[in-house]
Each structure stands twice: as C-alpha cells, then as structure tokens.
Amino acid sequence: MDLDDNVYVSDAENCNIQKFDSEGKFITKWGTKGKGPGKFMQPESTDVDSMNKIYVAEYSGQNIQKFDSNVTFIDMWGKEGEKKGQ
C-alpha cells in the first residue's frame, strides 16, 4: 500500500501492475510484456517506500524497476549488474 492506501498488484501472467484504491476500485494499470523501462517479464512483487516510490521485482526479467506515484519510470537495475535509469 502507498501513503494514500492504494494497493498495487503484480500480474505476472499479463505482465503488468494494477493499482486499486483502498475500497478495491480499479484505478489504473501499466506495463507490457518485454524488457526495458515500463515493460515486465513476469512481475513478481511490488513494494512502496516512505516517499511513495513504487518498486517492481521481475521474476523472468531479473530486474527491479522504480516508479513515482504517477507511475512514471525512474530507474532500473538487475541482472546486467548496472543501473539503467536517471
């Protein structure tokens, strides 16, 4: 959950992240299958930090991607061993 009590769900089968409000109402989703910023290879889990930054861990892609609360891509790091973002 984020600071506004929104819930993020990793959908590994459809390669996207879904966002719901605290009452379960669908807000948005983002991501497509693939490699690179905003694309996912079986997103496995999500987490939100105290600054409302969203982290998505990918199983097959072996990366972690970071987004702001507007789901704008910020950074990515993973199996290549180097940061790829801003």
PDB file of N, CA and C in Angstrom:
ATOM      1  N   MET A   1       0.840  -1.191   0.000  1.00  0.00           N
ATOM      2  CA  MET A   1       0.000   0.000   0.000  1.00  0.00           C
ATOM      3  C   MET A   1       0.877   1.244   0.000  1.00  0.00           C
ATOM      4  N   ASP A   2       0.378   2.277  -0.648  1.00  0.00           N
ATOM      5  CA  ASP A   2       1.121   3.535  -0.651  1.00  0.00           C
ATOM      6  C   ASP A   2       0.599   4.457   0.455  1.00  0.00           C
ATOM      7  N   LEU A   3       1.074   5.679   0.484  1.00  0.00           N
ATOM      8  CA  LEU A   3       0.693   6.616   1.539  1.00  0.00           C
ATOM      9  C   LEU A   3      -0.774   7.026   1.468  1.00  0.00           C
ATOM     10  N   ASP A   4      -1.422   6.797   0.328  1.00  0.00           N
ATOM     11  CA  ASP A   4      -2.848   7.106   0.160  1.00  0.00           C
ATOM     12  C   ASP A   4      -3.708   5.858   0.273  1.00  0.00           C
ATOM     13  N   ASP A   5      -3.135   4.766   0.777  1.00  0.00           N
ATOM     14  CA  ASP A   5      -3.808   3.477   0.959  1.00  0.00           C
ATOM     15  C   ASP A   5      -4.205   2.795  -0.343  1.00  0.00           C
ATOM     16  N   ASN A   6      -3.552   3.155  -1.441  1.00  0.00           N
ATOM     17  CA  ASN A   6      -3.769   2.434  -2.696  1.00  0.00           C
ATOM     18  C   ASN A   6      -2.978   1.131  -2.653  1.00  0.00           C
ATOM     19  N   VAL A   7      -3.499   0.116  -3.332  1.00  0.00           N
ATOM     20  CA  VAL A   7      -2.886  -1.206  -3.342  1.00  0.00           C
ATOM     21  C   VAL A   7      -2.373  -1.499  -4.751  1.00  0.00           C
ATOM     22  N   TYR A   8      -1.167  -2.069  -4.834  1.00  0.00           N
ATOM     23  CA  TYR A   8      -0.563  -2.430  -6.119  1.00  0.00           C
ATOM     24  C   TYR A   8      -0.484  -3.943  -6.220  1.00  0.00           C
ATOM     25  N   VAL A   9      -0.889  -4.483  -7.370  1.00  0.00           N
ATOM     26  CA  VAL A   9      -0.922  -5.927  -7.574  1.00  0.00           C
ATOM     27  C   VAL A   9      -0.067  -6.273  -8.791  1.00  0.00           C
ATOM     28  N   SER A  10       0.856  -7.197  -8.609  1.00  0.00           N
ATOM     29  CA  SER A  10       1.673  -7.698  -9.716  1.00  0.00           C
ATOM     30  C   SER A  10       0.894  -8.776 -10.448  1.00  0.00           C
ATOM     31  N   ASP A  11       0.720  -8.607 -11.747  1.00  0.00           N
ATOM     32  CA  ASP A  11       0.020  -9.591 -12.571  1.00  0.00           C
ATOM     33  C   ASP A  11       1.050 -10.232 -13.505  1.00  0.00           C
ATOM     34  N   ALA A  12       1.657 -11.320 -13.033  1.00  0.00           N
ATOM     35  CA  ALA A  12       2.737 -11.969 -13.777  1.00  0.00           C
ATOM     36  C   ALA A  12       2.269 -12.506 -15.125  1.00  0.00           C
ATOM     37  N   GLU A  13       1.070 -13.039 -15.174  1.00  0.00           N
ATOM     38  CA  GLU A  13       0.582 -13.638 -16.417  1.00  0.00           C
ATOM     39  C   GLU A  13       0.370 -12.602 -17.515  1.00  0.00           C
ATOM     40  N   ASN A  14      -0.117 -11.413 -17.141  1.00  0.00           N
ATOM     41  CA  ASN A  14      -0.373 -10.364 -18.127  1.00  0.00           C
ATOM     42  C   ASN A  14       0.736  -9.314 -18.183  1.00  0.00           C
ATOM     43  N   CYS A  15       1.794  -9.513 -17.407  1.00  0.00           N
ATOM     44  CA  CYS A  15       2.980  -8.654 -17.423  1.00  0.00           C
ATOM     45  C   CYS A  15       2.660  -7.186 -17.164  1.00  0.00           C
ATOM     46  N   ASN A  16       1.816  -6.931 -16.153  1.00  0.00           N
ATOM     47  CA  ASN A  16       1.531  -5.546 -15.793  1.00  0.00           C
ATOM     48  C   ASN A  16       1.337  -5.409 -14.284  1.00  0.00           C
ATOM     49  N   ILE A  17       1.214  -4.170 -13.840  1.00  0.00           N
ATOM     50  CA  ILE A  17       0.946  -3.833 -12.454  1.00  0.00           C
ATOM     51  C   ILE A  17      -0.403  -3.130 -12.432  1.00  0.00           C
ATOM     52  N   GLN A  18      -1.259  -3.523 -11.495  1.00  0.00           N
ATOM     53  CA  GLN A  18      -2.571  -2.913 -11.365  1.00  0.00           C
ATOM     54  C   GLN A  18      -2.639  -2.142 -10.050  1.00  0.00           C
ATOM     55  N   LYS A  19      -3.339  -1.015 -10.081  1.00  0.00           N
ATOM     56  CA  LYS A  19      -3.475  -0.151  -8.910  1.00  0.00           C
ATOM     57  C   LYS A  19      -4.954  -0.035  -8.548  1.00  0.00           C
ATOM     58  N   PHE A  20      -5.255  -0.251  -7.263  1.00  0.00           N
ATOM     59  CA  PHE A  20      -6.619  -0.172  -6.740  1.00  0.00           C
ATOM     60  C   PHE A  20      -6.661   0.769  -5.552  1.00  0.00           C
ATOM     61  N   ASP A  21      -7.812   1.417  -5.320  1.00  0.00           N
ATOM     62  CA  ASP A  21      -7.929   2.229  -4.118  1.00  0.00           C
ATOM     63  C   ASP A  21      -8.206   1.338  -2.915  1.00  0.00           C
ATOM     64  N   SER A  22      -8.301   1.917  -1.747  1.00  0.00           N
ATOM     65  CA  SER A  22      -8.457   1.139  -0.516  1.00  0.00           C
ATOM     66  C   SER A  22      -9.784   0.383  -0.439  1.00  0.00           C
ATOM     67  N   GLU A  23     -10.731   0.735  -1.291  1.00  0.00           N
ATOM     68  CA  GLU A  23     -12.015   0.033  -1.329  1.00  0.00           C
ATOM     69  C   GLU A  23     -12.056  -1.021  -2.431  1.00  0.00           C
ATOM     70  N   GLY A  24     -10.965  -1.208  -3.126  1.00  0.00           N
ATOM     71  CA  GLY A  24     -10.887  -2.216  -4.172  1.00  0.00           C
ATOM     72  C   GLY A  24     -11.271  -1.735  -5.558  1.00  0.00           C
ATOM     73  N   LYS A  25     -11.520  -0.438  -5.717  1.00  0.00           N
ATOM     74  CA  LYS A  25     -11.878   0.118  -7.023  1.00  0.00           C
ATOM     75  C   LYS A  25     -10.625   0.242  -7.891  1.00  0.00           C
ATOM     76  N   PHE A  26     -10.710  -0.298  -9.116  1.00  0.00           N
ATOM     77  CA  PHE A  26      -9.609  -0.236 -10.067  1.00  0.00           C
ATOM     78  C   PHE A  26      -9.297   1.210 -10.413  1.00  0.00           C
ATOM     79  N   ILE A  27      -8.000   1.569 -10.375  1.00  0.00           N
ATOM     80  CA  ILE A  27      -7.568   2.928 -10.723  1.00  0.00           C
ATOM     81  C   ILE A  27      -6.856   2.930 -12.069  1.00  0.00           C
ATOM     82  N   THR A  28      -5.826   2.095 -12.208  1.00  0.00           N
ATOM     83  CA  THR A  28      -5.049   2.073 -13.449  1.00  0.00           C
ATOM     84  C   THR A  28      -4.201   0.805 -13.498  1.00  0.00           C
ATOM     85  N   LYS A  29      -3.603   0.589 -14.636  1.00  0.00           N
ATOM     86  CA  LYS A  29      -2.596  -0.462 -14.770  1.00  0.00           C
ATOM     87  C   LYS A  29      -1.543   0.039 -15.733  1.00  0.00           C
ATOM     88  N   TRP A  30      -0.341  -0.535 -15.622  1.00  0.00           N
ATOM     89  CA  TRP A  30       0.723  -0.163 -16.546  1.00  0.00           C
ATOM     90  C   TRP A  30       1.647  -1.333 -16.754  1.00  0.00           C
ATOM     91  N   GLY A  31       2.332  -1.280 -17.890  1.00  0.00           N
ATOM     92  CA  GLY A  31       3.285  -2.312 -18.250  1.00  0.00           C
ATOM     93  C   GLY A  31       2.800  -3.173 -19.395  1.00  0.00           C
ATOM     94  N   THR A  32       3.760  -3.677 -20.136  1.00  0.00           N
ATOM     95  CA  THR A  32       3.514  -4.635 -21.201  1.00  0.00           C
ATOM     96  C   THR A  32       4.630  -5.673 -21.123  1.00  0.00           C
ATOM     97  N   LYS A  33       4.468  -6.765 -21.837  1.00  0.00           N
ATOM     98  CA  LYS A  33       5.487  -7.805 -21.834  1.00  0.00           C
ATOM     99  C   LYS A  33       6.701  -7.331 -22.616  1.00  0.00           C
ATOM    100  N   GLY A  34       7.854  -7.499 -22.026  1.00  0.00           N
ATOM    101  CA  GLY A  34       9.082  -7.131 -22.710  1.00  0.00           C
ATOM    102  C   GLY A  34      10.162  -6.725 -21.736  1.00  0.00           C
ATOM    103  N   LYS A  35      11.250  -6.264 -22.289  1.00  0.00           N
ATOM    104  CA  LYS A  35      12.386  -5.819 -21.489  1.00  0.00           C
ATOM    105  C   LYS A  35      12.570  -4.333 -21.699  1.00  0.00           C
ATOM    106  N   GLY A  36      12.922  -3.642 -20.639  1.00  0.00           N
ATOM    107  CA  GLY A  36      13.149  -2.210 -20.716  1.00  0.00           C
ATOM    108  C   GLY A  36      12.215  -1.471 -19.782  1.00  0.00           C
ATOM    109  N   PRO A  37      12.385  -0.153 -19.670  1.00  0.00           N
ATOM    110  CA  PRO A  37      11.583   0.651 -18.761  1.00  0.00           C
ATOM    111  C   PRO A  37      10.078   0.499 -19.002  1.00  0.00           C
ATOM    112  N   GLY A  38       9.360   0.164 -17.929  1.00  0.00           N
ATOM    113  CA  GLY A  38       7.911   0.036 -18.005  1.00  0.00           C
ATOM    114  C   GLY A  38       7.416  -1.233 -18.656  1.00  0.00           C
ATOM    115  N   LYS A  39       8.333  -2.118 -19.010  1.00  0.00           N
ATOM    116  CA  LYS A  39       7.969  -3.416 -19.565  1.00  0.00           C
ATOM    117  C   LYS A  39       8.401  -4.476 -18.565  1.00  0.00           C
ATOM    118  N   PHE A  40       7.639  -5.554 -18.497  1.00  0.00           N
ATOM    119  CA  PHE A  40       7.910  -6.551 -17.473  1.00  0.00           C
ATOM    120  C   PHE A  40       7.941  -7.965 -18.040  1.00  0.00           C
ATOM    121  N   MET A  41       8.801  -8.770 -17.447  1.00  0.00           N
ATOM    122  CA  MET A  41       8.859 -10.200 -17.720  1.00  0.00           C
ATOM    123  C   MET A  41       8.471 -10.896 -16.415  1.00  0.00           C
ATOM    124  N   GLN A  42       7.207 -11.190 -16.256  1.00  0.00           N
ATOM    125  CA  GLN A  42       6.642 -11.814 -15.064  1.00  0.00           C
ATOM    126  C   GLN A  42       6.916 -11.000 -13.793  1.00  0.00           C
ATOM    127  N   PRO A  43       6.274  -9.832 -13.656  1.00  0.00           N
ATOM    128  CA  PRO A  43       6.450  -9.077 -12.422  1.00  0.00           C
ATOM    129  C   PRO A  43       5.961  -9.911 -11.242  1.00  0.00           C
ATOM    130  N   GLU A  44       6.812 -10.051 -10.246  1.00  0.00           N
ATOM    131  CA  GLU A  44       6.539 -10.974  -9.144  1.00  0.00           C
ATOM    132  C   GLU A  44       6.027 -10.269  -7.890  1.00  0.00           C
ATOM    133  N   SER A  45       6.527  -9.085  -7.611  1.00  0.00           N
ATOM    134  CA  SER A  45       6.103  -8.396  -6.404  1.00  0.00           C
ATOM    135  C   SER A  45       6.275  -6.898  -6.558  1.00  0.00           C
ATOM    136  N   THR A  46       5.540  -6.164  -5.731  1.00  0.00           N
ATOM    137  CA  THR A  46       5.653  -4.713  -5.689  1.00  0.00           C
ATOM    138  C   THR A  46       5.824  -4.278  -4.237  1.00  0.00           C
ATOM    139  N   ASP A  47       6.445  -3.133  -4.065  1.00  0.00           N
ATOM    140  CA  ASP A  47       6.601  -2.546  -2.743  1.00  0.00           C
ATOM    141  C   ASP A  47       6.596  -1.032  -2.921  1.00  0.00           C
ATOM    142  N   VAL A  48       6.206  -0.323  -1.877  1.00  0.00           N
ATOM    143  CA  VAL A  48       6.169   1.133  -1.905  1.00  0.00           C
ATOM    144  C   VAL A  48       6.956   1.646  -0.702  1.00  0.00           C
ATOM    145  N   ASP A  49       7.852   2.600  -0.934  1.00  0.00           N
ATOM    146  CA  ASP A  49       8.650   3.119   0.169  1.00  0.00           C
ATOM    147  C   ASP A  49       7.979   4.326   0.837  1.00  0.00           C
ATOM    148  N   SER A  50       8.629   4.904   1.813  1.00  0.00           N
ATOM    149  CA  SER A  50       8.068   6.009   2.587  1.00  0.00           C
ATOM    150  C   SER A  50       7.970   7.308   1.792  1.00  0.00           C
ATOM    151  N   MET A  51       8.546   7.347   0.597  1.00  0.00           N
ATOM    152  CA  MET A  51       8.457   8.514  -0.286  1.00  0.00           C
ATOM    153  C   MET A  51       7.459   8.270  -1.416  1.00  0.00           C
ATOM    154  N   ASN A  52       6.683   7.184  -1.306  1.00  0.00           N
ATOM    155  CA  ASN A  52       5.677   6.799  -2.299  1.00  0.00           C
ATOM    156  C   ASN A  52       6.290   6.362  -3.631  1.00  0.00           C
ATOM    157  N   LYS A  53       7.521   5.900  -3.614  1.00  0.00           N
ATOM    158  CA  LYS A  53       8.147   5.327  -4.807  1.00  0.00           C
ATOM    159  C   LYS A  53       7.768   3.856  -4.870  1.00  0.00           C
ATOM    160  N   ILE A  54       7.449   3.385  -6.062  1.00  0.00           N
ATOM    161  CA  ILE A  54       6.971   2.016  -6.277  1.00  0.00           C
ATOM    162  C   ILE A  54       8.099   1.192  -6.886  1.00  0.00           C
ATOM    163  N   TYR A  55       8.322   0.015  -6.316  1.00  0.00           N
ATOM    164  CA  TYR A  55       9.356  -0.904  -6.789  1.00  0.00           C
ATOM    165  C   TYR A  55       8.685  -2.167  -7.303  1.00  0.00           C
ATOM    166  N   VAL A  56       9.085  -2.607  -8.481  1.00  0.00           N
ATOM    167  CA  VAL A  56       8.532  -3.811  -9.088  1.00  0.00           C
ATOM    168  C   VAL A  56       9.684  -4.786  -9.343  1.00  0.00           C
ATOM    169  N   ALA A  57       9.575  -5.977  -8.769  1.00  0.00           N
ATOM    170  CA  ALA A  57      10.572  -7.024  -8.980  1.00  0.00           C
ATOM    171  C   ALA A  57      10.048  -7.998 -10.026  1.00  0.00           C
ATOM    172  N   GLU A  58      10.885  -8.300 -11.004  1.00  0.00           N
ATOM    173  CA  GLU A  58      10.520  -9.221 -12.080  1.00  0.00           C
ATOM    174  C   GLU A  58      11.178 -10.576 -11.864  1.00  0.00           C
ATOM    175  N   TYR A  59      10.423 -11.622 -12.075  1.00  0.00           N
ATOM    176  CA  TYR A  59      10.961 -12.977 -11.954  1.00  0.00           C
ATOM    177  C   TYR A  59      11.818 -13.334 -13.168  1.00  0.00           C
ATOM    178  N   SER A  60      11.222 -13.340 -14.339  1.00  0.00           N
ATOM    179  CA  SER A  60      11.960 -13.733 -15.546  1.00  0.00           C
ATOM    180  C   SER A  60      12.918 -12.649 -16.014  1.00  0.00           C
ATOM    181  N   GLY A  61      12.544 -11.399 -15.855  1.00  0.00           N
ATOM    182  CA  GLY A  61      13.401 -10.304 -16.292  1.00  0.00           C
ATOM    183  C   GLY A  61      14.578 -10.063 -15.374  1.00  0.00           C
ATOM    184  N   GLN A  62      14.491 -10.557 -14.149  1.00  0.00           N
ATOM    185  CA  GLN A  62      15.547 -10.425 -13.148  1.00  0.00           C
ATOM    186  C   GLN A  62      15.986  -8.985 -12.961  1.00  0.00           C
ATOM    187  N   ASN A  63      15.021  -8.084 -12.928  1.00  0.00           N
ATOM    188  CA  ASN A  63      15.282  -6.669 -12.712  1.00  0.00           C
ATOM    189  C   ASN A  63      14.355  -6.138 -11.635  1.00  0.00           C
ATOM    190  N   ILE A  64      14.718  -4.999 -11.099  1.00  0.00           N
ATOM    191  CA  ILE A  64      13.832  -4.220 -10.241  1.00  0.00           C
ATOM    192  C   ILE A  64      13.672  -2.871 -10.919  1.00  0.00           C
ATOM    193  N   GLN A  65      12.417  -2.437 -11.054  1.00  0.00           N
ATOM    194  CA  GLN A  65      12.142  -1.135 -11.647  1.00  0.00           C
ATOM    195  C   GLN A  65      11.523  -0.236 -10.585  1.00  0.00           C
ATOM    196  N   LYS A  66      11.826   1.047 -10.685  1.00  0.00           N
ATOM    197  CA  LYS A  66      11.343   2.036  -9.732  1.00  0.00           C
ATOM    198  C   LYS A  66      10.509   3.079 -10.466  1.00  0.00           C
ATOM    199  N   PHE A  67       9.339   3.416  -9.891  1.00  0.00           N
ATOM    200  CA  PHE A  67       8.405   4.380 -10.476  1.00  0.00           C
ATOM    201  C   PHE A  67       7.986   5.389  -9.417  1.00  0.00           C
ATOM    202  N   ASP A  68       7.539   6.572  -9.853  1.00  0.00           N
ATOM    203  CA  ASP A  68       6.963   7.507  -8.901  1.00  0.00           C
ATOM    204  C   ASP A  68       5.473   7.199  -8.751  1.00  0.00           C
ATOM    205  N   SER A  69       4.775   7.961  -7.923  1.00  0.00           N
ATOM    206  CA  SER A  69       3.364   7.676  -7.647  1.00  0.00           C
ATOM    207  C   SER A  69       2.455   7.913  -8.852  1.00  0.00           C
ATOM    208  N   ASN A  70       2.967   8.587  -9.877  1.00  0.00           N
ATOM    209  CA  ASN A  70       2.220   8.763 -11.133  1.00  0.00           C
ATOM    210  C   ASN A  70       2.591   7.686 -12.139  1.00  0.00           C
ATOM    211  N   VAL A  71       3.270   6.655 -11.674  1.00  0.00           N
ATOM    212  CA  VAL A  71       3.781   5.505 -12.433  1.00  0.00           C
ATOM    213  C   VAL A  71       4.729   5.909 -13.577  1.00  0.00           C
ATOM    214  N   THR A  72       5.451   6.981 -13.356  1.00  0.00           N
ATOM    215  CA  THR A  72       6.494   7.403 -14.288  1.00  0.00           C
ATOM    216  C   THR A  72       7.776   6.664 -13.925  1.00  0.00           C
ATOM    217  N   PHE A  73       8.397   6.053 -14.906  1.00  0.00           N
ATOM    218  CA  PHE A  73       9.636   5.310 -14.698  1.00  0.00           C
ATOM    219  C   PHE A  73      10.721   6.221 -14.146  1.00  0.00           C
ATOM    220  N   ILE A  74      11.461   5.702 -13.141  1.00  0.00           N
ATOM    221  CA  ILE A  74      12.579   6.442 -12.556  1.00  0.00           C
ATOM    222  C   ILE A  74      13.903   5.729 -12.795  1.00  0.00           C
ATOM    223  N   ASP A  75      13.951   4.431 -12.515  1.00  0.00           N
ATOM    224  CA  ASP A  75      15.229   3.731 -12.540  1.00  0.00           C
ATOM    225  C   ASP A  75      15.004   2.232 -12.712  1.00  0.00           C
ATOM    226  N   MET A  76      16.070   1.520 -13.104  1.00  0.00           N
ATOM    227  CA  MET A  76      16.004   0.068 -13.225  1.00  0.00           C
ATOM    228  C   MET A  76      17.387  -0.503 -12.982  1.00  0.00           C
ATOM    229  N   TRP A  77      17.449  -1.605 -12.288  1.00  0.00           N
ATOM    230  CA  TRP A  77      18.709  -2.310 -12.095  1.00  0.00           C
ATOM    231  C   TRP A  77      18.419  -3.790 -11.985  1.00  0.00           C
ATOM    232  N   GLY A  78      19.442  -4.612 -12.274  1.00  0.00           N
ATOM    233  CA  GLY A  78      19.198  -6.041 -12.225  1.00  0.00           C
ATOM    234  C   GLY A  78      20.305  -6.890 -12.787  1.00  0.00           C
ATOM    235  N   LYS A  79      19.904  -7.908 -13.556  1.00  0.00           N
ATOM    236  CA  LYS A  79      20.835  -8.976 -13.928  1.00  0.00           C
ATOM    237  C   LYS A  79      22.065  -8.506 -14.687  1.00  0.00           C
ATOM    238  N   GLU A  80      21.984  -7.390 -15.351  1.00  0.00           N
ATOM    239  CA  GLU A  80      23.163  -6.867 -16.038  1.00  0.00           C
ATOM    240  C   GLU A  80      24.154  -6.273 -15.059  1.00  0.00           C
ATOM    241  N   GLY A  81      23.701  -6.041 -13.810  1.00  0.00           N
ATOM    242  CA  GLY A  81      24.593  -5.535 -12.783  1.00  0.00           C
ATOM    243  C   GLY A  81      24.893  -4.057 -12.856  1.00  0.00           C
ATOM    244  N   GLU A  82      24.096  -3.322 -13.612  1.00  0.00           N
ATOM    245  CA  GLU A  82      24.325  -1.882 -13.698  1.00  0.00           C
ATOM    246  C   GLU A  82      23.001  -1.146 -13.642  1.00  0.00           C
ATOM    247  N   LYS A  83      23.039   0.063 -13.145  1.00  0.00           N
ATOM    248  CA  LYS A  83      21.841   0.904 -13.125  1.00  0.00           C
ATOM    249  C   LYS A  83      21.579   1.397 -14.536  1.00  0.00           C
ATOM    250  N   LYS A  84      20.285   1.542 -14.866  1.00  0.00           N
ATOM    251  CA  LYS A  84      19.932   1.941 -16.231  1.00  0.00           C
ATOM    252  C   LYS A  84      19.090   3.204 -16.273  1.00  0.00           C
ATOM    253  N   GLY A  85      18.739   3.763 -15.141  1.00  0.00           N
ATOM    254  CA  GLY A  85      17.798   4.872 -15.121  1.00  0.00           C
ATOM    255  C   GLY A  85      18.441   6.215 -15.058  1.00  0.00           C
ATOM    256  N   GLN A  86      17.687   7.143 -14.499  1.00  0.00           N
ATOM    257  CA  GLN A  86      18.110   8.526 -14.411  1.00  0.00           C
ATOM    258  C   GLN A  86      18.927   8.744 -13.170  1.00  0.00           C
TER     259      GLN A  86
END
